[in-house]
Amino acid sequence: MLLSPKNPALARPVVAEDEPLINTTPLMAPSVVLLFIWMIVPLAMTLWFSVQRYNLLDPTSVGFAWFDNYEFLLTDPALLNAIKNTIALVVGVLAATVVFGVACAVALDAQFPGRGIARLFCIIPFFVMPTVSALVWKNLLMNPVNGLFSWVLKSVGLPAIDWFSNYPLSSIGIIVAWQWIPFATLILLTSLQSLDREQIEAARMDGARGWTLFWNITLPHLYRSITIVVMIETIFLLSVFAEILVTTSGGPGEASTTLPFLIYKTALLDYDVGGASAGGVIAIILANIVAFFLVRTIAHNLER
C-alpha cells in the first residue's frame, strides 16, 4: 500500500500494481447460492408438475402428461377470459391510481390548515390488508341491502345496485384502486416537493395559471415518478387475488376470474395440480413478457 506523493497532508492510500486484489467471491457465495435455491426450486417443481398427470382426486392417474396440460389450458376459453380480465383490471386500476394520485398529490401539496392530518388520512388505506378492505367494501359500502351506497341511492329515489353481481370486475377494480391510490399519491407528492418553486413563480409571472401551469410545469416534472408508479403497481396488480376471493370468488360465472384466481381454482377447487402448474408457467411467461416491455419503456423514459 503506497501514499500519493502530491500532498502528504491529503495523501490517499493507493493500491500498488503488483499488490493482489482481494477475492470477495467466497464471501458472496452463501447468499447467492441461497437466493438461487430459493428461486429455482419452486420454479423447477412447477415445471415438473406441469408435465405430470397429478390430480388429487384420482391417485391412479400418474405419469408424464407431457404437453397435454398446456394444450388443455390453451384451448380452454376460460384461460383467454382470465387473461382479458387480468389486463382489464390492471389497466383500469393503473389509470385510476395515476389520475387520482396526481390529483391528490397536487391538492396535498398546496398550503391549507390541517394539511398534515389530511396527508395522514390519505395514506392510511395503503396499510389496510387486502382481505380487510375487501370485507369492508363488500359488507359496509357495496352491500345492496345494508350498504352505504345503497342507502345514498335510496335516499334520492334511485334503486340500489348489486355491485358484485352486475359489475363484478369494476367493483373489484374500485377496491384495488382505493388501496393503491395512496401509494401513487405518496410517490407523486414526494416528487412535487422537489419542484423548483422559482420556476413556478416565473411561469406565473409570464401569465401561466391553472391548467396551463399544471400541463406545462407540474405534469412534465411528475413524468418520471408516474413511470415508476406504473412499473411497481403493475408487478403487484398482476397477482391480485384476495379481493376476488373475498368478494366474488371469480363470479358470476367467470366474469371476474383473473389468471391468478384461475390457477387457484384449478389447483384447489378442481384438484388438478398438473393443470394449475401449467397455468403457473403460462402466467410466468406472460408476466415476463409484460415486464420486458415495461422495463424497456420505463428505462427509455427515465433517460429522457
C-alpha atoms as a PDB file:
ATOM      1  CA  MET A   1       0.000   0.000   0.000  1.00  0.00           C
ATOM      2  CA  LEU A   2       1.500   3.355  -1.107  1.00  0.00           C
ATOM      3  CA  LEU A   3       0.661   7.016  -0.385  1.00  0.00           C
ATOM      4  CA  SER A   4       0.013   9.661  -3.009  1.00  0.00           C
ATOM      5  CA  PRO A   5       3.160  11.874  -3.226  1.00  0.00           C
ATOM      6  CA  LYS A   6       1.397  15.089  -4.367  1.00  0.00           C
ATOM      7  CA  ASN A   7       0.216  16.336  -0.989  1.00  0.00           C
ATOM      8  CA  PRO A   8       1.235  14.430   2.135  1.00  0.00           C
ATOM      9  CA  ALA A   9      -1.487  16.119   4.183  1.00  0.00           C
ATOM     10  CA  LEU A  10      -4.171  14.888   1.790  1.00  0.00           C
ATOM     11  CA  ALA A  11      -2.456  11.639   0.985  1.00  0.00           C
ATOM     12  CA  ARG A  12      -4.671   8.743  -0.049  1.00  0.00           C
ATOM     13  CA  PRO A  13      -3.817   5.088   0.074  1.00  0.00           C
ATOM     14  CA  VAL A  14      -3.060   3.840  -3.400  1.00  0.00           C
ATOM     15  CA  VAL A  15      -3.011   0.178  -4.276  1.00  0.00           C
ATOM     16  CA  ALA A  16       0.258  -0.824  -5.870  1.00  0.00           C
ATOM     17  CA  GLU A  17       0.044  -2.505  -9.265  1.00  0.00           C
ATOM     18  CA  ASP A  18       1.696  -5.672  -8.019  1.00  0.00           C
ATOM     19  CA  GLU A  19      -0.498  -5.936  -4.927  1.00  0.00           C
ATOM     20  CA  PRO A  20      -3.040  -8.773  -5.316  1.00  0.00           C
ATOM     21  CA  LEU A  21      -6.745  -7.879  -5.189  1.00  0.00           C
ATOM     22  CA  ILE A  22      -8.960  -9.487  -2.560  1.00  0.00           C
ATOM     23  CA  ASN A  23     -11.326 -12.085  -3.956  1.00  0.00           C
ATOM     24  CA  THR A  24     -14.793 -11.461  -2.481  1.00  0.00           C
ATOM     25  CA  THR A  25     -16.486 -14.353  -4.278  1.00  0.00           C
ATOM     26  CA  PRO A  26     -16.307 -16.758  -1.275  1.00  0.00           C
ATOM     27  CA  LEU A  27     -17.963 -14.105   0.894  1.00  0.00           C
ATOM     28  CA  MET A  28     -20.810 -13.571  -1.575  1.00  0.00           C
ATOM     29  CA  ALA A  29     -21.287 -17.224  -2.462  1.00  0.00           C
ATOM     30  CA  PRO A  30     -23.513 -18.275   0.502  1.00  0.00           C
ATOM     31  CA  SER A  31     -26.104 -15.547  -0.086  1.00  0.00           C
ATOM     32  CA  VAL A  32     -26.045 -16.003  -3.861  1.00  0.00           C
ATOM     33  CA  VAL A  33     -26.466 -19.780  -3.574  1.00  0.00           C
ATOM     34  CA  LEU A  34     -29.305 -19.398  -1.057  1.00  0.00           C
ATOM     35  CA  LEU A  35     -31.078 -16.871  -3.281  1.00  0.00           C
ATOM     36  CA  PHE A  36     -30.623 -19.128  -6.306  1.00  0.00           C
ATOM     37  CA  ILE A  37     -32.074 -22.149  -4.476  1.00  0.00           C
ATOM     38  CA  TRP A  38     -34.957 -20.023  -3.163  1.00  0.00           C
ATOM     39  CA  MET A  39     -35.860 -19.071  -6.740  1.00  0.00           C
ATOM     40  CA  ILE A  40     -35.018 -22.190  -8.702  1.00  0.00           C
ATOM     41  CA  VAL A  41     -36.620 -24.883  -6.515  1.00  0.00           C
ATOM     42  CA  PRO A  42     -40.243 -23.603  -6.767  1.00  0.00           C
ATOM     43  CA  LEU A  43     -39.770 -22.930 -10.477  1.00  0.00           C
ATOM     44  CA  ALA A  44     -38.334 -26.384 -11.101  1.00  0.00           C
ATOM     45  CA  MET A  45     -41.175 -28.056  -9.190  1.00  0.00           C
ATOM     46  CA  THR A  46     -43.755 -26.040 -11.131  1.00  0.00           C
ATOM     47  CA  LEU A  47     -42.182 -27.069 -14.422  1.00  0.00           C
ATOM     48  CA  TRP A  48     -42.074 -30.711 -13.281  1.00  0.00           C
ATOM     49  CA  PHE A  49     -45.706 -30.858 -12.181  1.00  0.00           C
ATOM     50  CA  SER A  50     -46.838 -29.045 -15.336  1.00  0.00           C
ATOM     51  CA  VAL A  51     -45.877 -32.083 -17.443  1.00  0.00           C
ATOM     52  CA  GLN A  52     -47.332 -34.607 -14.987  1.00  0.00           C
ATOM     53  CA  ARG A  53     -50.768 -36.160 -14.572  1.00  0.00           C
ATOM     54  CA  TYR A  54     -51.343 -35.129 -10.987  1.00  0.00           C
ATOM     55  CA  ASN A  55     -54.950 -34.943  -9.799  1.00  0.00           C
ATOM     56  CA  LEU A  56     -55.627 -35.141  -6.063  1.00  0.00           C
ATOM     57  CA  LEU A  57     -58.979 -36.864  -6.647  1.00  0.00           C
ATOM     58  CA  ASP A  58     -57.520 -39.583  -8.872  1.00  0.00           C
ATOM     59  CA  PRO A  59     -54.319 -41.037  -7.378  1.00  0.00           C
ATOM     60  CA  THR A  60     -54.232 -43.720 -10.092  1.00  0.00           C
ATOM     61  CA  SER A  61     -53.708 -41.148 -12.805  1.00  0.00           C
ATOM     62  CA  VAL A  62     -49.951 -40.671 -12.723  1.00  0.00           C
ATOM     63  CA  GLY A  63     -47.102 -40.355 -15.172  1.00  0.00           C
ATOM     64  CA  PHE A  64     -45.992 -37.909 -17.777  1.00  0.00           C
ATOM     65  CA  ALA A  65     -48.679 -35.872 -19.480  1.00  0.00           C
ATOM     66  CA  TRP A  66     -46.049 -34.019 -21.484  1.00  0.00           C
ATOM     67  CA  PHE A  67     -47.815 -31.035 -23.075  1.00  0.00           C
ATOM     68  CA  ASP A  68     -51.395 -32.244 -22.550  1.00  0.00           C
ATOM     69  CA  ASN A  69     -51.908 -29.842 -19.618  1.00  0.00           C
ATOM     70  CA  TYR A  70     -50.731 -26.897 -21.721  1.00  0.00           C
ATOM     71  CA  GLU A  71     -52.863 -27.986 -24.673  1.00  0.00           C
ATOM     72  CA  PHE A  72     -55.932 -28.259 -22.453  1.00  0.00           C
ATOM     73  CA  LEU A  73     -55.402 -24.795 -20.971  1.00  0.00           C
ATOM     74  CA  LEU A  74     -54.588 -23.091 -24.262  1.00  0.00           C
ATOM     75  CA  THR A  75     -57.757 -24.490 -25.855  1.00  0.00           C
ATOM     76  CA  ASP A  76     -59.902 -23.687 -22.821  1.00  0.00           C
ATOM     77  CA  PRO A  77     -61.927 -20.443 -23.267  1.00  0.00           C
ATOM     78  CA  ALA A  78     -61.544 -19.814 -19.532  1.00  0.00           C
ATOM     79  CA  LEU A  79     -57.826 -19.025 -19.981  1.00  0.00           C
ATOM     80  CA  LEU A  80     -58.418 -16.350 -22.610  1.00  0.00           C
ATOM     81  CA  ASN A  81     -61.217 -14.879 -20.491  1.00  0.00           C
ATOM     82  CA  ALA A  82     -58.949 -14.827 -17.432  1.00  0.00           C
ATOM     83  CA  ILE A  83     -56.182 -13.067 -19.378  1.00  0.00           C
ATOM     84  CA  LYS A  84     -58.648 -10.458 -20.653  1.00  0.00           C
ATOM     85  CA  ASN A  85     -59.964  -9.846 -17.141  1.00  0.00           C
ATOM     86  CA  THR A  86     -56.423  -9.556 -15.786  1.00  0.00           C
ATOM     87  CA  ILE A  87     -55.452  -6.997 -18.418  1.00  0.00           C
ATOM     88  CA  ALA A  88     -58.675  -5.032 -17.915  1.00  0.00           C
ATOM     89  CA  LEU A  89     -58.202  -4.971 -14.153  1.00  0.00           C
ATOM     90  CA  VAL A  90     -54.548  -3.913 -14.330  1.00  0.00           C
ATOM     91  CA  VAL A  91     -55.130  -1.189 -16.931  1.00  0.00           C
ATOM     92  CA  GLY A  92     -58.209   0.157 -15.168  1.00  0.00           C
ATOM     93  CA  VAL A  93     -56.560   0.305 -11.761  1.00  0.00           C
ATOM     94  CA  LEU A  94     -53.408   1.891 -13.202  1.00  0.00           C
ATOM     95  CA  ALA A  95     -55.449   4.600 -14.936  1.00  0.00           C
ATOM     96  CA  ALA A  96     -57.443   5.334 -11.773  1.00  0.00           C
ATOM     97  CA  THR A  97     -54.420   5.402  -9.475  1.00  0.00           C
ATOM     98  CA  VAL A  98     -52.413   7.690 -11.774  1.00  0.00           C
ATOM     99  CA  VAL A  99     -55.271  10.162 -12.332  1.00  0.00           C
ATOM    100  CA  PHE A 100     -56.442  10.310  -8.725  1.00  0.00           C
ATOM    101  CA  GLY A 101     -52.884  10.048  -7.425  1.00  0.00           C
ATOM    102  CA  VAL A 102     -51.832  13.131  -9.382  1.00  0.00           C
ATOM    103  CA  ALA A 103     -54.965  14.993  -8.263  1.00  0.00           C
ATOM    104  CA  CYS A 104     -54.428  14.102  -4.603  1.00  0.00           C
ATOM    105  CA  ALA A 105     -50.721  14.930  -4.761  1.00  0.00           C
ATOM    106  CA  VAL A 106     -51.379  18.365  -6.250  1.00  0.00           C
ATOM    107  CA  ALA A 107     -54.113  19.046  -3.699  1.00  0.00           C
ATOM    108  CA  LEU A 108     -51.983  17.930  -0.741  1.00  0.00           C
ATOM    109  CA  ASP A 109     -49.021  19.954  -1.974  1.00  0.00           C
ATOM    110  CA  ALA A 110     -50.954  23.195  -1.536  1.00  0.00           C
ATOM    111  CA  GLN A 111     -50.934  25.125   1.721  1.00  0.00           C
ATOM    112  CA  PHE A 112     -54.113  24.791   3.812  1.00  0.00           C
ATOM    113  CA  PRO A 113     -54.971  24.295   7.504  1.00  0.00           C
ATOM    114  CA  GLY A 114     -54.726  20.659   8.609  1.00  0.00           C
ATOM    115  CA  ARG A 115     -52.577  19.601   5.664  1.00  0.00           C
ATOM    116  CA  GLY A 116     -50.533  17.185   7.780  1.00  0.00           C
ATOM    117  CA  ILE A 117     -53.656  15.388   9.038  1.00  0.00           C
ATOM    118  CA  ALA A 118     -55.078  15.258   5.506  1.00  0.00           C
ATOM    119  CA  ARG A 119     -51.875  13.667   4.237  1.00  0.00           C
ATOM    120  CA  LEU A 120     -52.011  11.077   7.006  1.00  0.00           C
ATOM    121  CA  PHE A 121     -55.612  10.092   6.281  1.00  0.00           C
ATOM    122  CA  CYS A 122     -54.907   9.953   2.548  1.00  0.00           C
ATOM    123  CA  ILE A 123     -52.099   7.420   3.004  1.00  0.00           C
ATOM    124  CA  ILE A 124     -53.855   5.179   5.571  1.00  0.00           C
ATOM    125  CA  PRO A 125     -55.769   2.963   3.035  1.00  0.00           C
ATOM    126  CA  PHE A 126     -52.480   1.648   1.659  1.00  0.00           C
ATOM    127  CA  PHE A 127     -51.730  -0.022   5.003  1.00  0.00           C
ATOM    128  CA  VAL A 128     -55.088  -1.828   5.232  1.00  0.00           C
ATOM    129  CA  MET A 129     -54.792  -5.529   4.471  1.00  0.00           C
ATOM    130  CA  PRO A 130     -56.448  -6.555   1.164  1.00  0.00           C
ATOM    131  CA  THR A 131     -58.739  -9.060   2.884  1.00  0.00           C
ATOM    132  CA  VAL A 132     -59.933  -6.465   5.405  1.00  0.00           C
ATOM    133  CA  SER A 133     -60.535  -3.792   2.780  1.00  0.00           C
ATOM    134  CA  ALA A 134     -62.455  -6.272   0.611  1.00  0.00           C
ATOM    135  CA  LEU A 135     -64.678  -7.211   3.558  1.00  0.00           C
ATOM    136  CA  VAL A 136     -65.325  -3.556   4.400  1.00  0.00           C
ATOM    137  CA  TRP A 137     -66.280  -2.686   0.845  1.00  0.00           C
ATOM    138  CA  LYS A 138     -68.388  -5.813   0.405  1.00  0.00           C
ATOM    139  CA  ASN A 139     -70.398  -5.603   3.634  1.00  0.00           C
ATOM    140  CA  LEU A 140     -70.421  -1.932   4.630  1.00  0.00           C
ATOM    141  CA  LEU A 141     -70.255   0.016   1.378  1.00  0.00           C
ATOM    142  CA  MET A 142     -71.393  -2.080  -1.617  1.00  0.00           C
ATOM    143  CA  ASN A 143     -73.933  -4.330   0.064  1.00  0.00           C
ATOM    144  CA  PRO A 144     -77.179  -3.988  -1.948  1.00  0.00           C
ATOM    145  CA  VAL A 145     -79.348  -4.131   1.183  1.00  0.00           C
ATOM    146  CA  ASN A 146     -77.469  -2.509   4.053  1.00  0.00           C
ATOM    147  CA  GLY A 147     -74.540  -0.824   2.302  1.00  0.00           C
ATOM    148  CA  LEU A 148     -73.793   2.883   2.426  1.00  0.00           C
ATOM    149  CA  PHE A 149     -74.014   3.294  -1.344  1.00  0.00           C
ATOM    150  CA  SER A 150     -77.451   1.652  -1.405  1.00  0.00           C
ATOM    151  CA  TRP A 151     -78.661   3.942   1.371  1.00  0.00           C
ATOM    152  CA  VAL A 152     -77.496   7.023  -0.551  1.00  0.00           C
ATOM    153  CA  LEU A 153     -79.181   5.859  -3.756  1.00  0.00           C
ATOM    154  CA  LYS A 154     -82.430   5.054  -1.958  1.00  0.00           C
ATOM    155  CA  SER A 155     -82.332   8.449  -0.243  1.00  0.00           C
ATOM    156  CA  VAL A 156     -82.506  10.198  -3.630  1.00  0.00           C
ATOM    157  CA  GLY A 157     -85.135   7.827  -5.009  1.00  0.00           C
ATOM    158  CA  LEU A 158     -82.859   5.596  -7.079  1.00  0.00           C
ATOM    159  CA  PRO A 159     -82.776   1.781  -6.973  1.00  0.00           C
ATOM    160  CA  ALA A 160     -79.951   0.060  -5.151  1.00  0.00           C
ATOM    161  CA  ILE A 161     -77.167  -1.532  -7.189  1.00  0.00           C
ATOM    162  CA  ASP A 162     -75.940  -5.066  -6.619  1.00  0.00           C
ATOM    163  CA  TRP A 163     -72.344  -4.184  -7.402  1.00  0.00           C
ATOM    164  CA  PHE A 164     -70.762  -7.628  -7.284  1.00  0.00           C
ATOM    165  CA  SER A 165     -73.474  -9.211  -9.424  1.00  0.00           C
ATOM    166  CA  ASN A 166     -73.915  -6.503 -12.049  1.00  0.00           C
ATOM    167  CA  TYR A 167     -70.406  -5.017 -12.159  1.00  0.00           C
ATOM    168  CA  PRO A 168     -68.100  -7.629 -10.574  1.00  0.00           C
ATOM    169  CA  LEU A 169     -64.796  -6.734 -12.234  1.00  0.00           C
ATOM    170  CA  SER A 170     -65.386  -2.992 -11.935  1.00  0.00           C
ATOM    171  CA  SER A 171     -66.244  -3.394  -8.249  1.00  0.00           C
ATOM    172  CA  ILE A 172     -63.004  -5.267  -7.617  1.00  0.00           C
ATOM    173  CA  GLY A 173     -61.158  -2.576  -9.555  1.00  0.00           C
ATOM    174  CA  ILE A 174     -62.631   0.113  -7.288  1.00  0.00           C
ATOM    175  CA  ILE A 175     -61.466  -1.749  -4.196  1.00  0.00           C
ATOM    176  CA  VAL A 176     -57.959  -2.313  -5.527  1.00  0.00           C
ATOM    177  CA  ALA A 177     -57.673   1.267  -6.789  1.00  0.00           C
ATOM    178  CA  TRP A 178     -58.726   2.557  -3.357  1.00  0.00           C
ATOM    179  CA  GLN A 179     -55.832   0.611  -1.875  1.00  0.00           C
ATOM    180  CA  TRP A 180     -53.214   1.796  -4.380  1.00  0.00           C
ATOM    181  CA  ILE A 181     -54.151   5.468  -4.839  1.00  0.00           C
ATOM    182  CA  PRO A 182     -52.373   6.353  -1.544  1.00  0.00           C
ATOM    183  CA  PHE A 183     -49.187   4.726  -2.825  1.00  0.00           C
ATOM    184  CA  ALA A 184     -49.287   6.749  -6.036  1.00  0.00           C
ATOM    185  CA  THR A 185     -50.107   9.879  -4.039  1.00  0.00           C
ATOM    186  CA  LEU A 186     -47.143   9.350  -1.732  1.00  0.00           C
ATOM    187  CA  ILE A 187     -44.660   8.873  -4.589  1.00  0.00           C
ATOM    188  CA  LEU A 188     -46.019  11.789  -6.620  1.00  0.00           C
ATOM    189  CA  LEU A 189     -46.266  14.087  -3.599  1.00  0.00           C
ATOM    190  CA  THR A 190     -42.626  13.364  -2.786  1.00  0.00           C
ATOM    191  CA  SER A 191     -41.732  14.272  -6.355  1.00  0.00           C
ATOM    192  CA  LEU A 192     -43.690  17.511  -6.132  1.00  0.00           C
ATOM    193  CA  GLN A 193     -41.630  18.532  -3.114  1.00  0.00           C
ATOM    194  CA  SER A 194     -38.575  18.737  -5.365  1.00  0.00           C
ATOM    195  CA  LEU A 195     -40.282  21.013  -7.912  1.00  0.00           C
ATOM    196  CA  ASP A 196     -38.455  24.337  -8.130  1.00  0.00           C
ATOM    197  CA  ARG A 197     -40.779  26.998  -6.688  1.00  0.00           C
ATOM    198  CA  GLU A 198     -38.897  29.712  -8.513  1.00  0.00           C
ATOM    199  CA  GLN A 199     -39.798  28.040 -11.791  1.00  0.00           C
ATOM    200  CA  ILE A 200     -43.476  28.115 -10.813  1.00  0.00           C
ATOM    201  CA  GLU A 201     -43.289  31.776  -9.823  1.00  0.00           C
ATOM    202  CA  ALA A 202     -41.578  32.606 -13.106  1.00  0.00           C
ATOM    203  CA  ALA A 203     -44.327  30.811 -15.019  1.00  0.00           C
ATOM    204  CA  ARG A 204     -46.990  32.705 -13.090  1.00  0.00           C
ATOM    205  CA  MET A 205     -45.278  35.985 -13.867  1.00  0.00           C
ATOM    206  CA  ASP A 206     -45.473  35.024 -17.547  1.00  0.00           C
ATOM    207  CA  GLY A 207     -49.225  34.551 -17.176  1.00  0.00           C
ATOM    208  CA  ALA A 208     -49.461  30.783 -16.650  1.00  0.00           C
ATOM    209  CA  ARG A 209     -52.382  29.851 -14.414  1.00  0.00           C
ATOM    210  CA  GLY A 210     -54.424  26.794 -13.513  1.00  0.00           C
ATOM    211  CA  TRP A 211     -54.486  24.146 -16.203  1.00  0.00           C
ATOM    212  CA  THR A 212     -51.718  25.787 -18.260  1.00  0.00           C
ATOM    213  CA  LEU A 213     -49.368  25.775 -15.279  1.00  0.00           C
ATOM    214  CA  PHE A 214     -50.226  22.179 -14.443  1.00  0.00           C
ATOM    215  CA  TRP A 215     -49.871  20.908 -18.028  1.00  0.00           C
ATOM    216  CA  ASN A 216     -46.585  22.654 -18.830  1.00  0.00           C
ATOM    217  CA  ILE A 217     -44.772  22.661 -15.474  1.00  0.00           C
ATOM    218  CA  THR A 218     -46.220  20.221 -12.934  1.00  0.00           C
ATOM    219  CA  LEU A 219     -47.074  17.249 -15.148  1.00  0.00           C
ATOM    220  CA  PRO A 220     -43.716  17.104 -17.006  1.00  0.00           C
ATOM    221  CA  HIS A 221     -41.978  17.176 -13.627  1.00  0.00           C
ATOM    222  CA  LEU A 222     -44.095  14.203 -12.465  1.00  0.00           C
ATOM    223  CA  TYR A 223     -43.488  12.165 -15.624  1.00  0.00           C
ATOM    224  CA  ARG A 224     -40.650  10.060 -14.239  1.00  0.00           C
ATOM    225  CA  SER A 225     -42.455   9.443 -10.957  1.00  0.00           C
ATOM    226  CA  ILE A 226     -45.550   8.319 -12.854  1.00  0.00           C
ATOM    227  CA  THR A 227     -43.498   5.769 -14.787  1.00  0.00           C
ATOM    228  CA  ILE A 228     -42.101   4.396 -11.516  1.00  0.00           C
ATOM    229  CA  VAL A 229     -45.621   4.143 -10.070  1.00  0.00           C
ATOM    230  CA  VAL A 230     -46.826   2.294 -13.172  1.00  0.00           C
ATOM    231  CA  MET A 231     -43.943  -0.192 -13.053  1.00  0.00           C
ATOM    232  CA  ILE A 232     -44.258  -1.004  -9.346  1.00  0.00           C
ATOM    233  CA  GLU A 233     -48.050  -1.247  -9.379  1.00  0.00           C
ATOM    234  CA  THR A 234     -48.104  -3.451 -12.474  1.00  0.00           C
ATOM    235  CA  ILE A 235     -45.910  -6.022 -10.740  1.00  0.00           C
ATOM    236  CA  PHE A 236     -48.319  -6.289  -7.817  1.00  0.00           C
ATOM    237  CA  LEU A 237     -51.585  -5.894  -9.741  1.00  0.00           C
ATOM    238  CA  LEU A 238     -50.817  -8.920 -11.900  1.00  0.00           C
ATOM    239  CA  SER A 239     -51.202 -11.062  -8.767  1.00  0.00           C
ATOM    240  CA  VAL A 240     -54.416  -9.609  -7.274  1.00  0.00           C
ATOM    241  CA  PHE A 241     -56.193 -12.464  -5.525  1.00  0.00           C
ATOM    242  CA  ALA A 242     -57.557 -11.770  -2.019  1.00  0.00           C
ATOM    243  CA  GLU A 243     -60.079  -9.153  -3.166  1.00  0.00           C
ATOM    244  CA  ILE A 244     -61.537 -11.569  -5.725  1.00  0.00           C
ATOM    245  CA  LEU A 245     -61.726 -14.485  -3.292  1.00  0.00           C
ATOM    246  CA  VAL A 246     -63.477 -12.439  -0.594  1.00  0.00           C
ATOM    247  CA  THR A 247     -65.989 -10.635  -2.822  1.00  0.00           C
ATOM    248  CA  THR A 248     -66.976 -12.574  -5.953  1.00  0.00           C
ATOM    249  CA  SER A 249     -64.986 -15.839  -5.952  1.00  0.00           C
ATOM    250  CA  GLY A 250     -64.398 -15.271  -9.643  1.00  0.00           C
ATOM    251  CA  GLY A 251     -68.088 -14.943 -10.474  1.00  0.00           C
ATOM    252  CA  PRO A 252     -70.753 -14.536 -11.512  1.00  0.00           C
ATOM    253  CA  GLY A 253     -69.698 -17.379 -13.733  1.00  0.00           C
ATOM    254  CA  GLU A 254     -66.207 -16.335 -14.807  1.00  0.00           C
ATOM    255  CA  ALA A 255     -66.893 -12.599 -15.095  1.00  0.00           C
ATOM    256  CA  SER A 256     -64.250 -11.670 -12.519  1.00  0.00           C
ATOM    257  CA  THR A 257     -61.879 -14.622 -12.867  1.00  0.00           C
ATOM    258  CA  THR A 258     -58.320 -13.438 -13.418  1.00  0.00           C
ATOM    259  CA  LEU A 259     -55.274 -15.544 -14.214  1.00  0.00           C
ATOM    260  CA  PRO A 260     -54.106 -15.937 -10.572  1.00  0.00           C
ATOM    261  CA  PHE A 261     -57.625 -16.904  -9.491  1.00  0.00           C
ATOM    262  CA  LEU A 262     -57.936 -19.374 -12.367  1.00  0.00           C
ATOM    263  CA  ILE A 263     -54.733 -21.078 -11.201  1.00  0.00           C
ATOM    264  CA  TYR A 264     -56.083 -21.211  -7.637  1.00  0.00           C
ATOM    265  CA  LYS A 265     -59.395 -22.608  -8.864  1.00  0.00           C
ATOM    266  CA  THR A 266     -57.705 -25.275 -10.980  1.00  0.00           C
ATOM    267  CA  ALA A 267     -55.410 -26.383  -8.156  1.00  0.00           C
ATOM    268  CA  LEU A 268     -57.540 -26.174  -5.005  1.00  0.00           C
ATOM    269  CA  LEU A 269     -61.114 -26.400  -6.295  1.00  0.00           C
ATOM    270  CA  ASP A 270     -60.659 -28.778  -9.215  1.00  0.00           C
ATOM    271  CA  TYR A 271     -57.703 -30.558  -7.525  1.00  0.00           C
ATOM    272  CA  ASP A 272     -55.769 -30.566 -10.809  1.00  0.00           C
ATOM    273  CA  VAL A 273     -52.223 -29.814  -9.698  1.00  0.00           C
ATOM    274  CA  GLY A 274     -50.761 -30.568 -13.123  1.00  0.00           C
ATOM    275  CA  GLY A 275     -53.105 -28.184 -14.909  1.00  0.00           C
ATOM    276  CA  ALA A 276     -52.581 -25.480 -12.296  1.00  0.00           C
ATOM    277  CA  SER A 277     -48.814 -25.818 -12.644  1.00  0.00           C
ATOM    278  CA  ALA A 278     -49.131 -25.425 -16.411  1.00  0.00           C
ATOM    279  CA  GLY A 279     -51.206 -22.309 -15.770  1.00  0.00           C
ATOM    280  CA  GLY A 280     -48.483 -21.043 -13.475  1.00  0.00           C
ATOM    281  CA  VAL A 281     -45.872 -21.489 -16.181  1.00  0.00           C
ATOM    282  CA  ILE A 282     -48.070 -19.613 -18.655  1.00  0.00           C
ATOM    283  CA  ALA A 283     -48.516 -16.832 -16.087  1.00  0.00           C
ATOM    284  CA  ILE A 284     -44.743 -16.626 -15.592  1.00  0.00           C
ATOM    285  CA  ILE A 285     -44.185 -16.325 -19.358  1.00  0.00           C
ATOM    286  CA  LEU A 286     -46.835 -13.625 -19.756  1.00  0.00           C
ATOM    287  CA  ALA A 287     -45.571 -11.701 -16.724  1.00  0.00           C
ATOM    288  CA  ASN A 288     -42.007 -11.749 -18.059  1.00  0.00           C
ATOM    289  CA  ILE A 289     -43.184 -10.516 -21.468  1.00  0.00           C
ATOM    290  CA  VAL A 290     -45.008  -7.638 -19.804  1.00  0.00           C
ATOM    291  CA  ALA A 291     -42.033  -6.898 -17.555  1.00  0.00           C
ATOM    292  CA  PHE A 292     -39.626  -6.920 -20.506  1.00  0.00           C
ATOM    293  CA  PHE A 293     -41.509  -4.288 -22.498  1.00  0.00           C
ATOM    294  CA  LEU A 294     -42.411  -2.317 -19.375  1.00  0.00           C
ATOM    295  CA  VAL A 295     -38.825  -2.085 -18.145  1.00  0.00           C
ATOM    296  CA  ARG A 296     -37.553  -1.138 -21.605  1.00  0.00           C
ATOM    297  CA  THR A 297     -40.174   1.583 -21.950  1.00  0.00           C
ATOM    298  CA  ILE A 298     -39.591   2.990 -18.488  1.00  0.00           C
ATOM    299  CA  ALA A 299     -35.817   2.855 -18.848  1.00  0.00           C
ATOM    300  CA  HIS A 300     -36.131   4.790 -22.091  1.00  0.00           C
ATOM    301  CA  ASN A 301     -38.370   7.366 -20.435  1.00  0.00           C
ATOM    302  CA  LEU A 302     -36.034   7.803 -17.468  1.00  0.00           C
ATOM    303  CA  GLU A 303     -33.134   8.553 -19.816  1.00  0.00           C
ATOM    304  CA  ARG A 304     -35.035  11.420 -21.431  1.00  0.00           C
END
